[in-house]
Protein backbone atom coordinates (compact mmCIF):
# COMPACT_ATOMS: atom_id res chain seq x y z
CA MET A 1 -92.39 92.91 -167.57
CA GLU A 2 -91.49 93.63 -170.96
CA LEU A 3 -92.19 97.31 -171.40
CA VAL A 4 -90.30 98.19 -174.72
CA ASN A 5 -91.32 95.59 -177.85
CA GLU A 6 -87.93 93.83 -178.88
CA LYS A 7 -88.83 94.05 -182.27
CA ALA A 8 -90.05 97.67 -181.94
CA GLU A 9 -86.81 98.49 -180.43
CA ALA A 10 -85.15 96.92 -183.72
CA TYR A 11 -87.49 98.75 -185.97
CA ALA A 12 -86.11 102.15 -184.12
CA ARG A 13 -82.67 101.27 -184.02
CA ASN A 14 -82.76 100.84 -187.83
CA PHE A 15 -84.30 104.04 -188.77
CA SER A 16 -82.42 106.34 -186.56
CA THR A 17 -78.82 107.23 -187.24
CA PRO A 18 -76.07 104.94 -186.12
CA HIS A 19 -73.91 106.08 -183.37
CA GLU A 20 -70.36 107.42 -184.00
CA ALA A 21 -67.20 104.78 -184.21
CA LEU A 22 -65.80 105.80 -180.26
CA LEU A 23 -69.90 105.42 -178.92
CA GLN A 24 -70.71 101.85 -180.85
CA ARG A 25 -67.34 100.61 -179.01
CA ILE A 26 -68.64 101.97 -175.87
CA ILE A 27 -72.34 100.13 -175.90
CA ASP A 28 -70.06 96.75 -177.81
CA GLU A 29 -67.51 96.65 -174.86
CA THR A 30 -69.91 97.02 -172.20
CA ASN A 31 -72.48 94.26 -173.06
CA ALA A 32 -70.08 92.34 -173.57
CA ASN A 33 -67.97 93.02 -170.92
CA HIS A 34 -69.75 94.21 -168.26
CA ALA A 35 -71.96 92.15 -165.65
CA HIS A 36 -74.28 95.22 -165.27
CA ALA A 37 -74.54 96.12 -168.91
CA SER A 38 -78.02 96.73 -168.90
CA MET A 39 -77.43 99.94 -167.11
CA LEU A 40 -76.51 101.40 -170.18
CA SER A 41 -78.67 103.45 -172.13
CA SER A 42 -79.85 102.23 -175.00
CA ASP A 43 -78.55 103.29 -178.66
CA THR A 44 -82.01 105.72 -179.13
CA GLN A 45 -81.95 106.97 -176.14
CA GLY A 46 -78.41 107.81 -176.62
CA LYS A 47 -79.63 109.65 -179.47
CA LEU A 48 -82.45 111.21 -178.16
CA LEU A 49 -80.40 112.68 -175.44
CA GLU A 50 -77.64 113.80 -177.68
CA PHE A 51 -81.07 115.35 -179.66
CA ILE A 52 -82.13 117.37 -176.77
CA SER A 53 -78.21 118.56 -175.75
CA CYS A 54 -77.92 119.81 -179.38
CA MET A 55 -80.95 121.16 -178.75
CA LEU A 56 -80.69 123.23 -175.85
CA LYS A 57 -77.23 124.01 -176.40
CA PRO A 58 -75.66 124.23 -172.53
CA SER A 59 -73.16 125.92 -171.24
CA LYS A 60 -72.54 123.91 -167.80
CA ILE A 61 -74.04 119.70 -167.65
CA LEU A 62 -74.37 117.85 -165.12
CA GLU A 63 -74.65 113.80 -165.21
CA VAL A 64 -75.63 112.04 -161.67
CA GLY A 65 -74.05 109.04 -162.82
CA THR A 66 -71.26 108.03 -165.09
CA PHE A 67 -71.36 104.28 -165.84
CA THR A 68 -68.71 103.67 -168.77
CA GLY A 69 -69.13 107.02 -170.46
CA PHE A 70 -71.60 106.32 -173.27
CA SER A 71 -74.45 108.63 -172.17
CA ALA A 72 -71.42 111.70 -170.96
CA LEU A 73 -70.77 111.53 -174.12
CA CYS A 74 -73.81 111.81 -176.21
CA LEU A 75 -74.94 115.41 -174.10
CA ALA A 76 -71.30 116.61 -174.96
CA LYS A 77 -72.19 116.85 -178.26
CA GLY A 78 -74.51 119.44 -177.64
CA LEU A 79 -71.59 121.85 -175.18
CA VAL A 80 -70.84 125.31 -176.96
CA GLN A 81 -67.38 125.94 -177.68
CA ASP A 82 -66.22 126.60 -173.62
CA GLY A 83 -68.72 124.19 -172.23
CA MET A 84 -68.26 122.05 -169.73
CA LEU A 85 -69.79 118.58 -168.45
CA HIS A 86 -69.52 117.24 -164.93
CA THR A 87 -70.41 113.74 -164.35
CA LEU A 88 -70.37 111.72 -161.01
CA GLU A 89 -69.23 108.24 -160.60
CA TRP A 90 -69.60 106.57 -157.43
CA ARG A 91 -67.81 102.95 -158.96
CA ALA A 92 -63.95 103.10 -159.23
CA GLN A 93 -63.50 101.08 -161.95
CA ASP A 94 -66.34 102.37 -163.88
CA ALA A 95 -64.75 105.92 -163.02
CA ALA A 96 -61.76 104.94 -164.82
CA THR A 97 -63.37 102.89 -168.04
CA ALA A 98 -65.44 105.78 -168.82
CA GLN A 99 -62.02 108.26 -168.17
CA GLN A 100 -60.71 106.58 -170.86
CA TYR A 101 -63.79 106.93 -173.36
CA PHE A 102 -63.17 109.91 -172.04
CA ASP A 103 -59.72 110.77 -173.00
CA ALA A 104 -60.02 109.00 -176.33
CA SER A 105 -62.70 111.46 -177.77
CA PRO A 106 -63.18 115.44 -179.08
CA TYR A 107 -64.50 116.55 -175.81
CA GLY A 108 -61.77 115.11 -173.02
CA LYS A 109 -61.30 118.37 -172.32
CA GLN A 110 -64.74 119.45 -171.92
CA ILE A 111 -65.51 116.21 -169.37
CA HIS A 112 -64.74 116.69 -165.85
CA LEU A 113 -65.38 113.31 -164.19
CA HIS A 114 -65.72 113.54 -160.83
CA PRO A 115 -65.01 109.76 -159.05
CA GLY A 116 -67.39 109.70 -155.07
CA ASP A 117 -70.23 110.30 -153.67
CA ALA A 118 -72.51 112.03 -155.52
CA GLN A 119 -74.50 113.64 -152.27
CA GLU A 120 -71.22 115.11 -150.77
CA ILE A 121 -69.84 115.80 -154.26
CA ILE A 122 -72.78 117.87 -155.74
CA PRO A 123 -72.53 121.08 -153.47
CA THR A 124 -68.82 121.02 -153.88
CA LEU A 125 -69.74 122.69 -157.45
CA ARG A 126 -70.51 125.96 -157.51
CA GLU A 127 -71.97 125.67 -161.41
CA THR A 128 -75.04 127.23 -162.26
CA TRP A 129 -76.44 124.27 -164.48
CA ASP A 130 -77.73 124.38 -168.06
CA LEU A 131 -78.86 120.58 -168.43
CA VAL A 132 -79.29 117.56 -165.47
CA PHE A 133 -79.03 114.05 -166.68
CA ILE A 134 -79.80 111.69 -162.91
CA ASP A 135 -79.31 108.50 -163.71
CA ALA A 136 -77.78 106.99 -160.54
CA ASP A 137 -78.72 104.86 -157.51
CA LYS A 138 -82.55 105.03 -157.38
CA VAL A 139 -83.19 105.85 -153.50
CA ASN A 140 -81.21 109.13 -153.97
CA TYR A 141 -82.87 109.97 -156.80
CA ILE A 142 -84.76 113.00 -154.48
CA GLN A 143 -81.76 113.99 -153.16
CA TYR A 144 -80.13 114.46 -156.62
CA TYR A 145 -83.15 116.26 -157.74
CA GLU A 146 -82.79 118.60 -154.98
CA LEU A 147 -79.61 118.99 -154.46
CA THR A 148 -79.57 120.40 -158.40
CA LEU A 149 -82.38 122.15 -158.74
CA GLN A 150 -81.35 124.84 -156.70
CA ARG A 151 -78.55 125.35 -158.59
CA LEU A 152 -80.19 125.26 -161.82
CA SER A 153 -80.54 128.12 -163.92
CA PRO A 154 -83.49 129.29 -164.90
CA SER A 155 -84.24 127.76 -168.61
CA GLY A 156 -82.49 125.06 -167.22
CA TRP A 157 -83.74 120.86 -167.48
CA ILE A 158 -83.18 117.92 -165.61
CA ILE A 159 -83.87 114.23 -166.85
CA ALA A 160 -84.71 111.33 -164.85
CA ASP A 161 -83.98 107.69 -166.74
CA ASN A 162 -85.69 104.84 -165.37
CA VAL A 163 -88.43 106.38 -163.71
CA LEU A 164 -90.87 103.42 -164.87
CA PHE A 165 -87.91 100.90 -163.57
CA HIS A 166 -88.55 97.91 -164.83
CA GLY A 167 -91.98 98.33 -164.84
CA GLN A 168 -91.95 97.43 -161.15
CA VAL A 169 -93.81 101.08 -160.74
CA LEU A 170 -96.56 99.34 -162.57
CA GLU A 171 -97.66 96.87 -160.17
CA ASP A 172 -100.73 97.04 -157.79
CA GLU A 173 -98.14 96.64 -155.09
CA ILE A 174 -94.74 98.15 -155.45
CA LYS A 175 -92.30 96.11 -153.73
CA GLY A 176 -88.69 96.10 -153.81
CA LYS A 177 -86.48 99.50 -152.18
CA ASN A 178 -85.01 100.72 -156.05
CA ALA A 179 -89.05 100.73 -157.48
CA LYS A 180 -90.59 102.18 -154.34
CA ALA A 181 -87.69 105.04 -154.29
CA ILE A 182 -88.53 105.77 -157.84
CA HIS A 183 -92.59 105.88 -157.34
CA ALA A 184 -91.24 108.27 -154.56
CA PHE A 185 -88.90 110.23 -156.77
CA ASN A 186 -92.17 110.39 -159.25
CA GLU A 187 -94.77 111.07 -157.07
CA HIS A 188 -92.72 114.28 -155.46
CA ILE A 189 -91.63 115.21 -158.71
CA LYS A 190 -95.64 114.95 -159.60
CA LYS A 191 -96.57 117.36 -156.72
CA ASP A 192 -93.64 119.81 -156.81
CA ASN A 193 -94.88 123.28 -157.78
CA ARG A 194 -91.42 124.72 -158.29
CA VAL A 195 -91.64 122.62 -161.91
CA GLU A 196 -93.35 121.39 -164.54
CA GLN A 197 -92.82 117.97 -166.39
CA VAL A 198 -93.17 115.09 -169.16
CA MET A 199 -92.84 111.25 -168.50
CA LEU A 200 -91.98 109.77 -171.45
CA THR A 201 -91.89 105.87 -172.12
CA VAL A 202 -88.82 105.74 -173.79
CA ARG A 203 -87.02 102.44 -173.17
CA ASP A 204 -87.07 102.44 -169.29
CA GLY A 205 -89.11 105.79 -168.88
CA LEU A 206 -87.50 109.04 -168.93
CA THR A 207 -89.13 112.52 -167.31
CA ILE A 208 -87.72 115.47 -168.94
CA ILE A 209 -88.20 118.18 -165.79
CA LYS A 210 -88.27 122.11 -166.43
CA LYS A 211 -88.80 125.28 -163.88
CA ILE A 212 -91.42 127.18 -163.49
CA GLY A 213 -90.83 130.85 -164.08
């Protein structure tokens, strides 16, 4: 199902500030070389993540799902001077690719890449998160959310990607394990009285979540 009109997406991109050379290189090389390039955040989504991070000025960011490093570098732009971004990636090849881009960026020393299983790694990170971005395997979204919510600062925010999952959650009968998992995640957030949230129809859907109190 087409969620975003291609002409509208191109129009929005044309009237948005373009990314710097390194970020555009990640976009171009990922699209040219990666078999799953569709997993990459779009140009405008990356700019939105950058703007949100710059508005929040976080000290500690956690990203669950690095892919090739584009979204991490967008988020890193908002870090305070001594801030740190921790990013987790299951696929060894993607982690290695992302690390090369991080090393070539001005934020290399502020980004800590953790290869491996996020469910095992997150509990070992004893940080208090100001901003969390969840964009990993869909069947574990609820687990990632619960693991990070307990370490979220009182003024912290969580952003979850792919909450429309290619439009499959809009079907009368939701099929497929990923679509079902995302729908279960969306229901979980809706019923959680610890938070407030807004779902945005940006690309494949973003939900922005904040703690209450």
